[in-house]
PDB file of all heavy atoms in Angstrom:
ATOM      1  N   LEU A   1      90.849 121.661  83.133  1.00  0.00           N
ATOM      2  CA  LEU A   1      90.080 120.609  82.534  1.00  0.00           C
ATOM      3  C   LEU A   1      89.423 119.730  83.629  1.00  0.00           C
ATOM      4  O   LEU A   1      88.206 119.424  83.562  1.00  0.00           O
ATOM      5  CB  LEU A   1      90.986 119.750  81.655  1.00  0.00           C
ATOM      6  CG  LEU A   1      90.286 118.590  80.888  1.00  0.00           C
ATOM      7  CD1 LEU A   1      89.370 119.169  79.789  1.00  0.00           C
ATOM      8  CD2 LEU A   1      91.358 117.690  80.261  1.00  0.00           C
ATOM      9  N   LEU A   2      90.212 119.350  84.621  1.00  0.00           N
ATOM     10  CA  LEU A   2      89.663 118.541  85.705  1.00  0.00           C
ATOM     11  C   LEU A   2      88.693 119.310  86.558  1.00  0.00           C
ATOM     12  O   LEU A   2      87.757 118.756  87.130  1.00  0.00           O
ATOM     13  CB  LEU A   2      90.788 117.976  86.549  1.00  0.00           C
ATOM     14  CG  LEU A   2      91.378 116.633  86.115  1.00  0.00           C
ATOM     15  CD1 LEU A   2      90.327 115.515  86.190  1.00  0.00           C
ATOM     16  CD2 LEU A   2      91.940 116.659  84.683  1.00  0.00           C
ATOM     17  N   TYR A   3      88.939 120.615  86.706  1.00  0.00           N
ATOM     18  CA  TYR A   3      87.976 121.471  87.463  1.00  0.00           C
ATOM     19  C   TYR A   3      86.626 121.365  86.877  1.00  0.00           C
ATOM     20  O   TYR A   3      85.611 121.218  87.560  1.00  0.00           O
ATOM     21  CB  TYR A   3      88.535 122.907  87.395  1.00  0.00           C
ATOM     22  CG  TYR A   3      87.812 123.902  88.319  1.00  0.00           C
ATOM     23  CD1 TYR A   3      88.336 124.248  89.547  1.00  0.00           C
ATOM     24  CD2 TYR A   3      86.636 124.511  87.881  1.00  0.00           C
ATOM     25  CE1 TYR A   3      87.689 125.215  90.351  1.00  0.00           C
ATOM     26  CE2 TYR A   3      85.960 125.431  88.693  1.00  0.00           C
ATOM     27  CZ  TYR A   3      86.513 125.765  89.915  1.00  0.00           C
ATOM     28  OH  TYR A   3      85.850 126.681  90.719  1.00  0.00           O
ATOM     29  N   ARG A   4      86.545 121.479  85.550  1.00  0.00           N
ATOM     30  CA  ARG A   4      85.242 121.433  84.876  1.00  0.00           C
ATOM     31  C   ARG A   4      84.617 120.055  84.962  1.00  0.00           C
ATOM     32  O   ARG A   4      83.413 119.974  85.217  1.00  0.00           O
ATOM     33  CB  ARG A   4      85.463 121.849  83.395  1.00  0.00           C
ATOM     34  CG  ARG A   4      84.160 122.128  82.655  1.00  0.00           C
ATOM     35  CD  ARG A   4      84.393 122.748  81.316  1.00  0.00           C
ATOM     36  NE  ARG A   4      84.938 124.120  81.380  1.00  0.00           N
ATOM     37  CZ  ARG A   4      85.050 124.950  80.337  1.00  0.00           C
ATOM     38  NH1 ARG A   4      84.665 124.538  79.126  1.00  0.00           N
ATOM     39  NH2 ARG A   4      85.558 126.146  80.474  1.00  0.00           N
ATOM     40  N   VAL A   5      85.403 119.012  84.798  1.00  0.00           N
ATOM     41  CA  VAL A   5      84.876 117.660  84.884  1.00  0.00           C
ATOM     42  C   VAL A   5      84.314 117.389  86.265  1.00  0.00           C
ATOM     43  O   VAL A   5      83.167 116.904  86.407  1.00  0.00           O
ATOM     44  CB  VAL A   5      85.977 116.627  84.545  1.00  0.00           C
ATOM     45  CG1 VAL A   5      85.563 115.214  84.963  1.00  0.00           C
ATOM     46  CG2 VAL A   5      86.335 116.682  83.055  1.00  0.00           C
ATOM     47  N   LEU A   6      85.076 117.684  87.312  1.00  0.00           N
ATOM     48  CA  LEU A   6      84.640 117.375  88.655  1.00  0.00           C
ATOM     49  C   LEU A   6      83.498 118.248  89.145  1.00  0.00           C
ATOM     50  O   LEU A   6      82.602 117.794  89.838  1.00  0.00           O
ATOM     51  CB  LEU A   6      85.811 117.457  89.653  1.00  0.00           C
ATOM     52  CG  LEU A   6      86.955 116.454  89.399  1.00  0.00           C
ATOM     53  CD1 LEU A   6      87.987 116.535  90.541  1.00  0.00           C
ATOM     54  CD2 LEU A   6      86.426 115.041  89.198  1.00  0.00           C
ATOM     55  N   LEU A   7      83.531 119.531  88.755  1.00  0.00           N
ATOM     56  CA  LEU A   7      82.413 120.422  89.102  1.00  0.00           C
ATOM     57  C   LEU A   7      81.136 119.981  88.459  1.00  0.00           C
ATOM     58  O   LEU A   7      80.047 120.075  89.034  1.00  0.00           O
ATOM     59  CB  LEU A   7      82.771 121.871  88.737  1.00  0.00           C
ATOM     60  CG  LEU A   7      81.860 122.940  89.320  1.00  0.00           C
ATOM     61  CD1 LEU A   7      82.020 123.017  90.829  1.00  0.00           C
ATOM     62  CD2 LEU A   7      82.215 124.294  88.723  1.00  0.00           C
ATOM     63  N   ALA A   8      81.252 119.451  87.238  1.00  0.00           N
ATOM     64  CA  ALA A   8      80.040 119.050  86.514  1.00  0.00           C
ATOM     65  C   ALA A   8      79.427 117.787  87.002  1.00  0.00           C
ATOM     66  O   ALA A   8      78.205 117.605  87.059  1.00  0.00           O
ATOM     67  CB  ALA A   8      80.390 118.911  85.006  1.00  0.00           C
ATOM     68  N   SER A   9      80.245 116.813  87.416  1.00  0.00           N
ATOM     69  CA  SER A   9      79.758 115.435  87.618  1.00  0.00           C
ATOM     70  C   SER A   9      80.029 114.841  88.980  1.00  0.00           C
ATOM     71  O   SER A   9      79.900 113.630  89.134  1.00  0.00           O
ATOM     72  CB  SER A   9      80.289 114.549  86.527  1.00  0.00           C
ATOM     73  OG  SER A   9      81.706 114.646  86.475  1.00  0.00           O
ATOM     74  N   THR A  10      80.439 115.627  89.946  1.00  0.00           N
ATOM     75  CA  THR A  10      80.536 115.160  91.324  1.00  0.00           C
ATOM     76  C   THR A  10      80.044 116.208  92.290  1.00  0.00           C
ATOM     77  O   THR A  10      79.865 117.368  91.925  1.00  0.00           O
ATOM     78  CB  THR A  10      82.039 114.846  91.698  1.00  0.00           C
ATOM     79  OG1 THR A  10      82.814 116.054  91.609  1.00  0.00           O
ATOM     80  CG2 THR A  10      82.614 113.786  90.805  1.00  0.00           C
ATOM     81  N   ASN A  11      79.838 115.775  93.550  1.00  0.00           N
ATOM     82  CA  ASN A  11      79.433 116.679  94.608  1.00  0.00           C
ATOM     83  C   ASN A  11      80.467 116.628  95.767  1.00  0.00           C
ATOM     84  O   ASN A  11      81.276 115.723  95.813  1.00  0.00           O
ATOM     85  CB  ASN A  11      78.056 116.214  95.150  1.00  0.00           C
ATOM     86  CG  ASN A  11      76.981 116.277  94.097  1.00  0.00           C
ATOM     87  OD1 ASN A  11      76.810 117.283  93.365  1.00  0.00           O
ATOM     88  ND2 ASN A  11      76.235 115.176  93.932  1.00  0.00           N
ATOM     89  N   VAL A  12      80.397 117.614  96.650  1.00  0.00           N
ATOM     90  CA  VAL A  12      81.265 117.667  97.775  1.00  0.00           C
ATOM     91  C   VAL A  12      81.166 116.309  98.535  1.00  0.00           C
ATOM     92  O   VAL A  12      80.034 115.844  98.839  1.00  0.00           O
ATOM     93  CB  VAL A  12      80.954 118.834  98.687  1.00  0.00           C
ATOM     94  CG1 VAL A  12      81.742 118.776  99.970  1.00  0.00           C
ATOM     95  CG2 VAL A  12      81.211 120.171  97.934  1.00  0.00           C
ATOM     96  N   GLY A  13      82.326 115.728  98.882  1.00  0.00           N
ATOM     97  CA  GLY A  13      82.296 114.486  99.596  1.00  0.00           C
ATOM     98  C   GLY A  13      82.290 113.244  98.775  1.00  0.00           C
ATOM     99  O   GLY A  13      82.479 112.134  99.272  1.00  0.00           O
ATOM    100  N   ASP A  14      82.083 113.369  97.467  1.00  0.00           N
ATOM    101  CA  ASP A  14      82.107 112.216  96.538  1.00  0.00           C
ATOM    102  C   ASP A  14      83.522 111.606  96.442  1.00  0.00           C
ATOM    103  O   ASP A  14      84.498 112.309  96.735  1.00  0.00           O
ATOM    104  CB  ASP A  14      81.610 112.570  95.173  1.00  0.00           C
ATOM    105  CG  ASP A  14      80.114 112.645  95.047  1.00  0.00           C
ATOM    106  OD1 ASP A  14      79.398 112.340  96.073  1.00  0.00           O
ATOM    107  OD2 ASP A  14      79.629 112.997  93.954  1.00  0.00           O
ATOM    108  N   VAL A  15      83.578 110.344  96.024  1.00  0.00           N
ATOM    109  CA  VAL A  15      84.876 109.664  95.868  1.00  0.00           C
ATOM    110  C   VAL A  15      85.176 109.534  94.395  1.00  0.00           C
ATOM    111  O   VAL A  15      84.376 108.989  93.596  1.00  0.00           O
ATOM    112  CB  VAL A  15      84.826 108.283  96.522  1.00  0.00           C
ATOM    113  CG1 VAL A  15      86.158 107.537  96.294  1.00  0.00           C
ATOM    114  CG2 VAL A  15      84.520 108.374  97.999  1.00  0.00           C
ATOM    115  N   VAL A  16      86.321 110.084  94.004  1.00  0.00           N
ATOM    116  CA  VAL A  16      86.807 110.031  92.588  1.00  0.00           C
ATOM    117  C   VAL A  16      88.031 109.168  92.500  1.00  0.00           C
ATOM    118  O   VAL A  16      88.996 109.368  93.255  1.00  0.00           O
ATOM    119  CB  VAL A  16      87.125 111.474  92.105  1.00  0.00           C
ATOM    120  CG1 VAL A  16      87.593 111.456  90.655  1.00  0.00           C
ATOM    121  CG2 VAL A  16      85.988 112.415  92.306  1.00  0.00           C
ATOM    122  N   VAL A  17      88.021 108.224  91.595  1.00  0.00           N
ATOM    123  CA  VAL A  17      89.152 107.335  91.340  1.00  0.00           C
ATOM    124  C   VAL A  17      89.839 107.697  90.029  1.00  0.00           C
ATOM    125  O   VAL A  17      89.146 107.835  89.001  1.00  0.00           O
ATOM    126  CB  VAL A  17      88.716 105.861  91.340  1.00  0.00           C
ATOM    127  CG1 VAL A  17      89.870 104.960  90.876  1.00  0.00           C
ATOM    128  CG2 VAL A  17      88.272 105.422  92.734  1.00  0.00           C
ATOM    129  N   ASP A  18      91.139 107.800  90.058  1.00  0.00           N
ATOM    130  CA  ASP A  18      91.945 107.992  88.808  1.00  0.00           C
ATOM    131  C   ASP A  18      92.876 106.817  88.722  1.00  0.00           C
ATOM    132  O   ASP A  18      93.858 106.753  89.419  1.00  0.00           O
ATOM    133  CB  ASP A  18      92.699 109.311  88.889  1.00  0.00           C
ATOM    134  CG  ASP A  18      93.441 109.625  87.601  1.00  0.00           C
ATOM    135  OD1 ASP A  18      93.655 108.695  86.792  1.00  0.00           O
ATOM    136  OD2 ASP A  18      93.786 110.811  87.373  1.00  0.00           O
ATOM    137  N   PRO A  19      92.614 105.875  87.794  1.00  0.00           N
ATOM    138  CA  PRO A  19      93.450 104.684  87.699  1.00  0.00           C
ATOM    139  C   PRO A  19      94.826 104.948  87.132  1.00  0.00           C
ATOM    140  O   PRO A  19      95.687 104.041  87.179  1.00  0.00           O
ATOM    141  CB  PRO A  19      92.639 103.785  86.746  1.00  0.00           C
ATOM    142  CG  PRO A  19      91.272 104.377  86.680  1.00  0.00           C
ATOM    143  CD  PRO A  19      91.471 105.822  86.877  1.00  0.00           C
ATOM    144  N   PHE A  20      95.041 106.122  86.548  1.00  0.00           N
ATOM    145  CA  PHE A  20      96.367 106.439  85.941  1.00  0.00           C
ATOM    146  C   PHE A  20      96.725 107.825  86.427  1.00  0.00           C
ATOM    147  O   PHE A  20      96.699 108.818  85.687  1.00  0.00           O
ATOM    148  CB  PHE A  20      96.256 106.401  84.401  1.00  0.00           C
ATOM    149  CG  PHE A  20      95.658 105.115  83.916  1.00  0.00           C
ATOM    150  CD1 PHE A  20      94.279 105.058  83.603  1.00  0.00           C
ATOM    151  CD2 PHE A  20      96.390 103.952  83.800  1.00  0.00           C
ATOM    152  CE1 PHE A  20      93.719 103.872  83.140  1.00  0.00           C
ATOM    153  CE2 PHE A  20      95.822 102.770  83.321  1.00  0.00           C
ATOM    154  CZ  PHE A  20      94.497 102.703  83.013  1.00  0.00           C
ATOM    155  N   SER A  21      97.057 107.940  87.691  1.00  0.00           N
ATOM    156  CA  SER A  21      97.136 109.202  88.406  1.00  0.00           C
ATOM    157  C   SER A  21      98.233 110.127  87.889  1.00  0.00           C
ATOM    158  O   SER A  21      98.057 111.338  87.904  1.00  0.00           O
ATOM    159  CB  SER A  21      97.383 108.910  89.903  1.00  0.00           C
ATOM    160  OG  SER A  21      97.413 110.128  90.613  1.00  0.00           O
ATOM    161  N   GLY A  22      99.382 109.578  87.401  1.00  0.00           N
ATOM    162  CA  GLY A  22     100.401 110.414  86.866  1.00  0.00           C
ATOM    163  C   GLY A  22     100.889 111.481  87.854  1.00  0.00           C
ATOM    164  O   GLY A  22     101.234 111.157  88.984  1.00  0.00           O
ATOM    165  N   SER A  23     100.883 112.729  87.402  1.00  0.00           N
ATOM    166  CA  SER A  23     101.365 113.842  88.224  1.00  0.00           C
ATOM    167  C   SER A  23     100.351 114.294  89.252  1.00  0.00           C
ATOM    168  O   SER A  23     100.654 115.222  90.009  1.00  0.00           O
ATOM    169  CB  SER A  23     101.783 114.998  87.384  1.00  0.00           C
ATOM    170  OG  SER A  23     100.669 115.433  86.605  1.00  0.00           O
ATOM    171  N   GLY A  24      99.184 113.650  89.304  1.00  0.00           N
ATOM    172  CA  GLY A  24      98.222 113.923  90.388  1.00  0.00           C
ATOM    173  C   GLY A  24      97.219 115.094  90.145  1.00  0.00           C
ATOM    174  O   GLY A  24      96.729 115.652  91.085  1.00  0.00           O
ATOM    175  N   THR A  25      96.982 115.410  88.890  1.00  0.00           N
ATOM    176  CA  THR A  25      96.082 116.540  88.613  1.00  0.00           C
ATOM    177  C   THR A  25      94.643 116.250  89.157  1.00  0.00           C
ATOM    178  O   THR A  25      94.029 117.109  89.769  1.00  0.00           O
ATOM    179  CB  THR A  25      95.982 116.816  87.076  1.00  0.00           C
ATOM    180  OG1 THR A  25      97.291 117.125  86.612  1.00  0.00           O
ATOM    181  CG2 THR A  25      95.080 117.985  86.787  1.00  0.00           C
ATOM    182  N   THR A  26      94.156 115.038  88.919  1.00  0.00           N
ATOM    183  CA  THR A  26      92.795 114.701  89.394  1.00  0.00           C
ATOM    184  C   THR A  26      92.753 114.843  90.910  1.00  0.00           C
ATOM    185  O   THR A  26      91.850 115.409  91.480  1.00  0.00           O
ATOM    186  CB  THR A  26      92.430 113.290  88.985  1.00  0.00           C
ATOM    187  OG1 THR A  26      92.473 113.184  87.561  1.00  0.00           O
ATOM    188  CG2 THR A  26      91.003 112.976  89.446  1.00  0.00           C
ATOM    189  N   ALA A  27      93.744 114.307  91.574  1.00  0.00           N
ATOM    190  CA  ALA A  27      93.793 114.358  93.063  1.00  0.00           C
ATOM    191  C   ALA A  27      93.880 115.797  93.546  1.00  0.00           C
ATOM    192  O   ALA A  27      93.202 116.141  94.499  1.00  0.00           O
ATOM    193  CB  ALA A  27      94.984 113.534  93.594  1.00  0.00           C
ATOM    194  N   ALA A  28      94.698 116.613  92.888  1.00  0.00           N
ATOM    195  CA  ALA A  28      94.873 117.982  93.316  1.00  0.00           C
ATOM    196  C   ALA A  28      93.579 118.771  93.200  1.00  0.00           C
ATOM    197  O   ALA A  28      93.166 119.504  94.149  1.00  0.00           O
ATOM    198  CB  ALA A  28      95.958 118.678  92.459  1.00  0.00           C
ATOM    199  N   VAL A  29      92.879 118.610  92.102  1.00  0.00           N
ATOM    200  CA  VAL A  29      91.601 119.335  91.922  1.00  0.00           C
ATOM    201  C   VAL A  29      90.534 118.766  92.804  1.00  0.00           C
ATOM    202  O   VAL A  29      89.698 119.522  93.374  1.00  0.00           O
ATOM    203  CB  VAL A  29      91.167 119.313  90.430  1.00  0.00           C
ATOM    204  CG1 VAL A  29      89.817 119.987  90.242  1.00  0.00           C
ATOM    205  CG2 VAL A  29      92.212 119.954  89.555  1.00  0.00           C
ATOM    206  N   ALA A  30      90.502 117.462  93.009  1.00  0.00           N
ATOM    207  CA  ALA A  30      89.550 116.869  93.938  1.00  0.00           C
ATOM    208  C   ALA A  30      89.727 117.409  95.340  1.00  0.00           C
ATOM    209  O   ALA A  30      88.739 117.737  96.014  1.00  0.00           O
ATOM    210  CB  ALA A  30      89.672 115.351  93.895  1.00  0.00           C
ATOM    211  N   LYS A  31      90.927 117.457  95.786  1.00  0.00           N
ATOM    212  CA  LYS A  31      91.217 117.976  97.120  1.00  0.00           C
ATOM    213  C   LYS A  31      90.749 119.460  97.245  1.00  0.00           C
ATOM    214  O   LYS A  31      90.110 119.837  98.218  1.00  0.00           O
ATOM    215  CB  LYS A  31      92.673 117.899  97.444  1.00  0.00           C
ATOM    216  CG  LYS A  31      93.061 118.397  98.839  1.00  0.00           C
ATOM    217  CD  LYS A  31      94.525 118.276  99.154  1.00  0.00           C
ATOM    218  CE  LYS A  31      94.886 118.785 100.528  1.00  0.00           C
ATOM    219  NZ  LYS A  31      96.323 118.691 100.830  1.00  0.00           N
ATOM    220  N   LYS A  32      91.077 120.244  96.254  1.00  0.00           N
ATOM    221  CA  LYS A  32      90.669 121.663  96.256  1.00  0.00           C
ATOM    222  C   LYS A  32      89.179 121.838  96.292  1.00  0.00           C
ATOM    223  O   LYS A  32      88.643 122.681  96.986  1.00  0.00           O
ATOM    224  CB  LYS A  32      91.242 122.325  94.968  1.00  0.00           C
ATOM    225  CG  LYS A  32      91.050 123.814  94.900  1.00  0.00           C
ATOM    226  CD  LYS A  32      91.581 124.379  93.611  1.00  0.00           C
ATOM    227  CE  LYS A  32      93.104 124.154  93.500  1.00  0.00           C
ATOM    228  NZ  LYS A  32      93.673 124.793  92.268  1.00  0.00           N
ATOM    229  N   LEU A  33      88.457 120.919  95.594  1.00  0.00           N
ATOM    230  CA  LEU A  33      86.989 121.044  95.495  1.00  0.00           C
ATOM    231  C   LEU A  33      86.253 120.229  96.566  1.00  0.00           C
ATOM    232  O   LEU A  33      85.015 120.064  96.485  1.00  0.00           O
ATOM    233  CB  LEU A  33      86.474 120.607  94.125  1.00  0.00           C
ATOM    234  CG  LEU A  33      86.962 121.511  92.945  1.00  0.00           C
ATOM    235  CD1 LEU A  33      86.453 120.912  91.629  1.00  0.00           C
ATOM    236  CD2 LEU A  33      86.413 122.914  93.093  1.00  0.00           C
ATOM    237  N   GLY A  34      86.947 119.727  97.556  1.00  0.00           N
ATOM    238  CA  GLY A  34      86.269 119.016  98.642  1.00  0.00           C
ATOM    239  C   GLY A  34      85.776 117.649  98.292  1.00  0.00           C
ATOM    240  O   GLY A  34      84.850 117.124  98.949  1.00  0.00           O
ATOM    241  N   ARG A  35      86.346 117.007  97.310  1.00  0.00           N
ATOM    242  CA  ARG A  35      86.029 115.630  96.959  1.00  0.00           C
ATOM    243  C   ARG A  35      87.126 114.734  97.475  1.00  0.00           C
ATOM    244  O   ARG A  35      88.247 115.109  97.617  1.00  0.00           O
ATOM    245  CB  ARG A  35      85.940 115.422  95.421  1.00  0.00           C
ATOM    246  CG  ARG A  35      84.638 115.877  94.756  1.00  0.00           C
ATOM    247  CD  ARG A  35      84.380 117.316  94.773  1.00  0.00           C
ATOM    248  NE  ARG A  35      83.280 117.707  93.881  1.00  0.00           N
ATOM    249  CZ  ARG A  35      82.646 118.852  93.911  1.00  0.00           C
ATOM    250  NH1 ARG A  35      82.956 119.752  94.859  1.00  0.00           N
ATOM    251  NH2 ARG A  35      81.672 119.108  93.084  1.00  0.00           N
ATOM    252  N   HIS A  36      86.730 113.457  97.791  1.00  0.00           N
ATOM    253  CA  HIS A  36      87.746 112.442  98.160  1.00  0.00           C
ATOM    254  C   HIS A  36      88.367 111.890  96.857  1.00  0.00           C
ATOM    255  O   HIS A  36      87.691 111.818  95.795  1.00  0.00           O
ATOM    256  CB  HIS A  36      87.137 111.321  98.910  1.00  0.00           C
ATOM    257  CG  HIS A  36      86.648 111.737 100.290  1.00  0.00           C
ATOM    258  ND1 HIS A  36      87.487 112.087 101.320  1.00  0.00           N
ATOM    259  CD2 HIS A  36      85.392 111.785 100.808  1.00  0.00           C
ATOM    260  CE1 HIS A  36      86.783 112.412 102.375  1.00  0.00           C
ATOM    261  NE2 HIS A  36      85.491 112.204 102.085  1.00  0.00           N
ATOM    262  N   PHE A  37      89.603 111.517  96.905  1.00  0.00           N
ATOM    263  CA  PHE A  37      90.254 110.935  95.715  1.00  0.00           C
ATOM    264  C   PHE A  37      91.016 109.652  96.101  1.00  0.00           C
ATOM    265  O   PHE A  37      91.401 109.468  97.215  1.00  0.00           O
ATOM    266  CB  PHE A  37      91.221 111.979  95.105  1.00  0.00           C
ATOM    267  CG  PHE A  37      92.395 112.302  95.988  1.00  0.00           C
ATOM    268  CD1 PHE A  37      93.564 111.519  96.002  1.00  0.00           C
ATOM    269  CD2 PHE A  37      92.346 113.416  96.820  1.00  0.00           C
ATOM    270  CE1 PHE A  37      94.621 111.861  96.814  1.00  0.00           C
ATOM    271  CE2 PHE A  37      93.415 113.774  97.652  1.00  0.00           C
ATOM    272  CZ  PHE A  37      94.561 112.973  97.635  1.00  0.00           C
ATOM    273  N   ILE A  38      91.118 108.805  95.085  1.00  0.00           N
ATOM    274  CA  ILE A  38      91.989 107.666  95.133  1.00  0.00           C
ATOM    275  C   ILE A  38      92.791 107.640  93.869  1.00  0.00           C
ATOM    276  O   ILE A  38      92.217 107.451  92.763  1.00  0.00           O
ATOM    277  CB  ILE A  38      91.194 106.337  95.289  1.00  0.00           C
ATOM    278  CG1 ILE A  38      90.342 106.325  96.556  1.00  0.00           C
ATOM    279  CG2 ILE A  38      92.190 105.134  95.328  1.00  0.00           C
ATOM    280  CD1 ILE A  38      89.358 105.177  96.587  1.00  0.00           C
ATOM    281  N   GLY A  39      94.047 107.882  93.930  1.00  0.00           N
ATOM    282  CA  GLY A  39      94.922 107.827  92.760  1.00  0.00           C
ATOM    283  C   GLY A  39      95.601 106.475  92.692  1.00  0.00           C
ATOM    284  O   GLY A  39      95.975 105.905  93.777  1.00  0.00           O
ATOM    285  N   ILE A  40      95.778 105.968  91.508  1.00  0.00           N
ATOM    286  CA  ILE A  40      96.501 104.676  91.344  1.00  0.00           C
ATOM    287  C   ILE A  40      97.630 104.974  90.331  1.00  0.00           C
ATOM    288  O   ILE A  40      97.390 105.512  89.260  1.00  0.00           O
ATOM    289  CB  ILE A  40      95.573 103.594  90.785  1.00  0.00           C
ATOM    290  CG1 ILE A  40      94.362 103.390  91.687  1.00  0.00           C
ATOM    291  CG2 ILE A  40      96.358 102.285  90.602  1.00  0.00           C
ATOM    292  CD1 ILE A  40      93.304 102.458  91.111  1.00  0.00           C
ATOM    293  N   GLU A  41      98.849 104.638  90.768  1.00  0.00           N
ATOM    294  CA  GLU A  41     100.016 104.938  89.910  1.00  0.00           C
ATOM    295  C   GLU A  41     101.090 103.897  90.115  1.00  0.00           C
ATOM    296  O   GLU A  41     101.382 103.488  91.211  1.00  0.00           O
ATOM    297  CB  GLU A  41     100.571 106.319  90.245  1.00  0.00           C
ATOM    298  CG  GLU A  41     101.797 106.740  89.477  1.00  0.00           C
ATOM    299  CD  GLU A  41     101.613 106.551  87.956  1.00  0.00           C
ATOM    300  OE1 GLU A  41     100.618 107.103  87.428  1.00  0.00           O
ATOM    301  OE2 GLU A  41     102.471 105.892  87.337  1.00  0.00           O
ATOM    302  N   ARG A  42     101.636 103.456  88.971  1.00  0.00           N
ATOM    303  CA  ARG A  42     102.655 102.387  88.992  1.00  0.00           C
ATOM    304  C   ARG A  42     104.040 102.973  89.297  1.00  0.00           C
ATOM    305  O   ARG A  42     104.860 102.340  89.923  1.00  0.00           O
ATOM    306  CB  ARG A  42     102.649 101.704  87.630  1.00  0.00           C
ATOM    307  CG  ARG A  42     103.476 100.412  87.605  1.00  0.00           C
ATOM    308  CD  ARG A  42     103.311  99.752  86.255  1.00  0.00           C
ATOM    309  NE  ARG A  42     103.752 100.573  85.138  1.00  0.00           N
ATOM    310  CZ  ARG A  42     103.662 100.228  83.843  1.00  0.00           C
ATOM    311  NH1 ARG A  42     103.055  99.095  83.526  1.00  0.00           N
ATOM    312  NH2 ARG A  42     104.145 101.049  82.913  1.00  0.00           N
TER     313      ARG A  42
END
């Protein structure tokens, strides 16, 4: 799901923020696809 979202709407080197990072799926896919990530988790 995140693969499709990030491939569709970001480019290599873009910065993606996930305010509710949880288990880190957004961060994991961002790293794989060459995007920067910022996860926020309580």
